Amino acid sequence: MGTKVKPYNSSDSKKQEVQQMFDNIAHKYDFLNRFLSLGIDKGWRKTAIKILAKHNPKKILDVATGTGDFAIATLKINPDEVIGVDISEGMLEVGKKKIADKGIQNIRLEYGDSEDLQFDDNTFDAVIVAFGVRNFENLSKGLKEINRVLRPGGIAMVLEFSKPKGLFGAIFNIYNKTLLPLWGKLFSGDNAAYTYLPESVKAFPEGNEFLEIMRDSQYNNVDDKRLTFGVCSIYTGIK
């Protein structure tokens, strides 16, 4: 499943370090997402929502919701209820303010651990995760928990960074190793956070390897769709 990398390489667990990292950068997270991805991440979410719409989910869980962008994007397909969970209280506070400012009534954000979801079996029509599974302490355990809370026939959808190939891949790697940490440190004040990002992408088991982990976690009809020359992948599986 790849080498486990952590933001700060302290004696704390990966989960503790990821929580600390996102608390540290929460105040600049949305701005940096738009800036560092040139706004392309919005397009990735739109593509994902089009795929999700085919399943017409009415109750959705957004795991590792962060500041709630993916949860908010699902409103285009008119769900009855969306719940977002995250281990970073700092990110959740930013997300809650965003939702309140928009006057959104059917999204609720709360603390939640991907490996110990506080919901009954067979609760959700869809469970979504955007750029969060590579931060799981135990990837397989997190995917199995997501499967548990999905209803039979429900869809799990994972957006995650991939490693593009060829010339674009080489350019992307240079960007990740040089400009990304530099700008990340400049705007967020946390150099480790934006050094961890490319390292975590490199260590993540992408493509067929990740699809195999999904199969082992009891998902059927697993599939992936690559976007923007392979920078991002949308993985789906059915319970």
Protein backbone atom coordinates (compact mmCIF):
# COMPACT_ATOMS: atom_id res chain seq x y z
CA MET A 1 0.00 0.00 0.00
CA GLY A 2 2.97 2.29 -0.33
CA THR A 3 5.20 3.90 2.27
CA LYS A 4 3.47 5.72 5.10
CA VAL A 5 4.48 9.39 5.18
CA LYS A 6 3.60 11.95 7.84
CA PRO A 7 3.60 15.77 7.80
CA TYR A 8 5.98 16.35 10.72
CA ASN A 9 7.66 12.97 11.30
CA SER A 10 7.27 13.27 15.06
CA SER A 11 6.50 10.48 17.54
CA ASP A 12 2.76 11.19 17.09
CA SER A 13 0.59 8.97 14.91
CA LYS A 14 -0.13 9.95 11.31
CA LYS A 15 -3.71 10.74 12.33
CA GLN A 16 -2.56 13.13 15.05
CA GLU A 17 -0.11 14.84 12.71
CA VAL A 18 -2.68 15.21 9.91
CA GLN A 19 -5.14 16.70 12.40
CA GLN A 20 -2.49 19.18 13.59
CA MET A 21 -1.47 20.03 10.02
CA PHE A 22 -5.00 20.88 8.89
CA ASP A 23 -5.66 22.87 12.06
CA ASN A 24 -2.50 24.86 11.25
CA ILE A 25 -3.42 25.66 7.63
CA ALA A 26 -7.23 25.89 7.92
CA HIS A 27 -7.20 29.70 7.76
CA LYS A 28 -5.56 29.66 4.30
CA TYR A 29 -6.71 26.28 2.97
CA ASP A 30 -9.42 27.42 0.54
CA PHE A 31 -7.26 30.20 -0.90
CA LEU A 32 -4.29 27.88 -1.38
CA ASN A 33 -6.46 25.21 -3.02
CA ARG A 34 -7.63 27.70 -5.65
CA PHE A 35 -4.20 29.27 -6.08
CA LEU A 36 -2.05 26.14 -6.20
CA SER A 37 -4.41 24.24 -8.50
CA LEU A 38 -5.14 27.29 -10.69
CA GLY A 39 -8.80 26.68 -9.88
CA ILE A 40 -8.83 23.32 -11.68
CA ASP A 41 -10.02 21.54 -8.52
CA LYS A 42 -13.47 23.11 -9.04
CA GLY A 43 -13.73 21.40 -12.41
CA TRP A 44 -12.74 18.06 -10.89
CA ARG A 45 -15.58 18.33 -8.39
CA LYS A 46 -18.05 19.24 -11.13
CA THR A 47 -17.08 16.13 -13.09
CA ALA A 48 -17.46 14.01 -9.96
CA ILE A 49 -20.91 15.44 -9.24
CA LYS A 50 -22.06 14.57 -12.79
CA ILE A 51 -21.09 10.95 -12.13
CA LEU A 52 -22.76 11.02 -8.72
CA ALA A 53 -25.97 12.46 -10.19
CA LYS A 54 -26.60 9.23 -12.12
CA HIS A 55 -27.14 7.48 -8.77
CA ASN A 56 -29.54 10.14 -7.42
CA PRO A 57 -28.33 9.90 -3.78
CA LYS A 58 -30.60 11.56 -1.22
CA LYS A 59 -28.49 11.03 1.90
CA ILE A 60 -24.77 11.71 1.45
CA LEU A 61 -21.78 11.45 3.78
CA ASP A 62 -18.65 13.48 2.94
CA VAL A 63 -15.67 11.96 4.75
CA ALA A 64 -12.62 14.19 5.37
CA THR A 65 -14.88 17.07 4.37
CA GLY A 66 -12.34 19.76 5.29
CA THR A 67 -14.02 23.12 4.73
CA GLY A 68 -17.01 21.49 3.03
CA ASP A 69 -16.39 22.26 -0.66
CA PHE A 70 -17.36 18.81 -1.93
CA ALA A 71 -20.39 18.67 0.38
CA ILE A 72 -21.56 22.04 -0.95
CA ALA A 73 -21.00 20.89 -4.56
CA THR A 74 -23.45 18.01 -4.04
CA LEU A 75 -26.32 20.49 -3.59
CA LYS A 76 -26.51 20.66 -7.41
CA ILE A 77 -28.07 17.17 -7.39
CA ASN A 78 -30.64 18.06 -4.70
CA PRO A 79 -29.89 15.65 -1.84
CA ASP A 80 -32.16 15.68 1.19
CA GLU A 81 -29.28 15.65 3.67
CA VAL A 82 -25.49 15.93 3.53
CA ILE A 83 -23.26 15.25 6.53
CA GLY A 84 -19.58 16.15 6.43
CA VAL A 85 -17.10 14.73 8.94
CA ASP A 86 -13.46 15.58 9.59
CA ILE A 87 -10.86 15.20 12.35
CA SER A 88 -9.70 18.83 12.09
CA GLU A 89 -11.80 21.19 14.19
CA GLY A 90 -10.01 24.10 12.52
CA MET A 91 -11.17 23.05 9.06
CA LEU A 92 -14.69 22.35 10.33
CA GLU A 93 -14.98 25.84 11.82
CA VAL A 94 -14.08 27.40 8.46
CA GLY A 95 -16.58 25.11 6.73
CA LYS A 96 -19.38 25.83 9.21
CA LYS A 97 -18.94 29.58 8.70
CA LYS A 98 -18.99 29.12 4.94
CA ILE A 99 -22.23 27.12 5.12
CA ALA A 100 -23.84 29.63 7.49
CA ASP A 101 -22.83 32.56 5.27
CA LYS A 102 -24.44 30.83 2.27
CA GLY A 103 -27.62 30.13 4.26
CA ILE A 104 -27.42 26.39 3.54
CA GLN A 105 -29.85 24.36 5.66
CA ASN A 106 -29.32 20.71 4.65
CA ILE A 107 -25.57 20.34 5.23
CA ARG A 108 -24.23 19.50 8.70
CA LEU A 109 -20.52 19.39 9.53
CA GLU A 110 -19.24 17.54 12.59
CA TYR A 111 -16.16 15.90 14.03
CA GLY A 112 -15.68 12.36 12.72
CA ASP A 113 -12.93 9.79 12.24
CA SER A 114 -12.90 7.89 8.93
CA GLU A 115 -11.87 4.69 10.71
CA ASP A 116 -14.63 4.90 13.34
CA LEU A 117 -17.68 6.49 11.75
CA GLN A 118 -20.47 7.15 14.28
CA PHE A 119 -23.31 6.04 12.02
CA ASP A 120 -25.38 2.88 11.75
CA ASP A 121 -24.82 0.28 9.06
CA ASN A 122 -26.53 0.90 5.70
CA THR A 123 -27.25 4.60 6.39
CA PHE A 124 -26.11 6.52 3.29
CA ASP A 125 -26.92 6.41 -0.41
CA ALA A 126 -23.45 7.77 -1.21
CA VAL A 127 -20.20 8.33 0.65
CA ILE A 128 -17.71 10.71 -0.94
CA VAL A 129 -14.10 11.64 -0.14
CA ALA A 130 -12.16 14.40 -1.91
CA PHE A 131 -8.37 14.39 -1.51
CA GLY A 132 -8.60 12.74 1.90
CA VAL A 133 -8.00 9.00 1.65
CA ARG A 134 -4.24 9.38 1.31
CA ASN A 135 -4.34 10.98 4.78
CA PHE A 136 -6.04 7.96 6.39
CA GLU A 137 -4.01 6.27 9.10
CA ASN A 138 -5.24 2.88 7.88
CA LEU A 139 -6.51 3.04 4.29
CA SER A 140 -8.16 -0.39 4.23
CA LYS A 141 -9.90 0.17 7.57
CA GLY A 142 -11.24 3.54 6.41
CA LEU A 143 -12.59 2.08 3.17
CA LYS A 144 -14.28 -0.76 5.05
CA GLU A 145 -15.92 1.72 7.42
CA ILE A 146 -17.22 3.69 4.45
CA ASN A 147 -18.59 0.45 3.01
CA ARG A 148 -20.29 -0.38 6.32
CA VAL A 149 -22.29 2.84 6.46
CA LEU A 150 -23.30 2.63 2.80
CA ARG A 151 -26.66 1.08 2.01
CA PRO A 152 -26.63 -1.93 -0.37
CA GLY A 153 -26.36 -0.54 -3.90
CA GLY A 154 -24.93 2.74 -2.61
CA ILE A 155 -21.91 4.37 -4.24
CA ALA A 156 -18.53 5.26 -2.75
CA MET A 157 -16.66 7.98 -4.63
CA VAL A 158 -13.05 8.96 -4.01
CA LEU A 159 -11.26 11.89 -5.63
CA GLU A 160 -7.51 11.69 -5.19
CA PHE A 161 -4.32 12.98 -6.73
CA SER A 162 -2.45 10.67 -9.07
CA LYS A 163 0.99 10.68 -10.66
CA PRO A 164 0.82 11.86 -14.28
CA LYS A 165 3.21 10.31 -16.79
CA GLY A 166 5.39 11.64 -19.59
CA LEU A 167 6.47 15.24 -20.11
CA PHE A 168 3.53 16.66 -18.17
CA GLY A 169 4.39 14.32 -15.31
CA ALA A 170 7.96 15.59 -15.24
CA ILE A 171 6.77 19.21 -15.15
CA PHE A 172 4.22 18.35 -12.46
CA ASN A 173 6.93 16.70 -10.33
CA ILE A 174 9.16 19.77 -10.56
CA TYR A 175 6.23 21.97 -9.54
CA ASN A 176 5.42 19.71 -6.59
CA LYS A 177 9.00 19.59 -5.32
CA THR A 178 9.84 23.29 -5.69
CA LEU A 179 7.03 25.82 -6.16
CA LEU A 180 4.33 24.02 -4.16
CA PRO A 181 6.28 23.90 -0.85
CA LEU A 182 7.60 27.44 -1.42
CA TRP A 183 4.19 29.01 -2.00
CA GLY A 184 2.59 26.81 0.63
CA LYS A 185 5.03 28.00 3.28
CA LEU A 186 4.73 31.62 2.14
CA PHE A 187 0.93 31.76 2.42
CA SER A 188 0.16 29.22 5.16
CA GLY A 189 3.25 29.55 7.36
CA ASP A 190 3.56 25.74 7.51
CA ASN A 191 6.34 24.42 5.30
CA ALA A 192 5.82 20.80 6.34
CA ALA A 193 2.20 20.76 5.18
CA TYR A 194 3.03 21.50 1.55
CA THR A 195 6.09 19.30 1.54
CA TYR A 196 3.90 16.46 2.83
CA LEU A 197 1.40 16.89 -0.02
CA PRO A 198 3.63 15.66 -2.89
CA GLU A 199 5.19 13.01 -0.64
CA SER A 200 1.76 11.64 0.28
CA VAL A 201 0.71 11.60 -3.40
CA LYS A 202 3.89 9.73 -4.31
CA ALA A 203 3.27 7.13 -1.58
CA PHE A 204 -0.41 6.63 -2.40
CA PRO A 205 -1.37 3.35 -4.14
CA GLU A 206 -3.03 4.78 -7.25
CA GLY A 207 -4.82 3.25 -10.21
CA ASN A 208 -5.25 -0.51 -10.34
CA GLU A 209 -3.58 -0.91 -6.96
CA PHE A 210 -6.16 1.28 -5.29
CA LEU A 211 -9.00 -0.42 -7.17
CA GLU A 212 -7.75 -3.75 -5.83
CA ILE A 213 -7.84 -2.37 -2.28
CA MET A 214 -11.43 -1.28 -2.94
CA ARG A 215 -12.31 -4.79 -4.11
CA ASP A 216 -10.70 -6.24 -0.97
CA SER A 217 -12.87 -3.81 1.03
CA GLN A 218 -16.03 -5.39 -0.47
CA TYR A 219 -16.79 -2.92 -3.26
CA ASN A 220 -18.19 -4.09 -6.59
CA ASN A 221 -18.00 -2.55 -10.08
CA VAL A 222 -14.94 -0.51 -9.13
CA ASP A 223 -13.76 1.99 -11.71
CA ASP A 224 -11.50 5.00 -12.11
CA LYS A 225 -11.55 8.06 -14.35
CA ARG A 226 -8.41 10.15 -14.84
CA LEU A 227 -8.60 13.91 -15.26
CA THR A 228 -6.19 16.67 -16.38
CA PHE A 229 -3.47 14.43 -17.86
CA GLY A 230 -3.71 12.08 -14.89
CA VAL A 231 -3.25 14.62 -12.08
CA CYS A 232 -6.55 13.59 -10.47
CA SER A 233 -8.48 10.32 -10.42
CA ILE A 234 -12.13 9.68 -9.58
CA TYR A 235 -12.59 6.20 -8.11
CA THR A 236 -16.01 4.65 -7.69
CA GLY A 237 -17.33 1.44 -6.20
CA ILE A 238 -20.76 0.01 -5.38
CA LYS A 239 -21.69 -1.81 -2.18
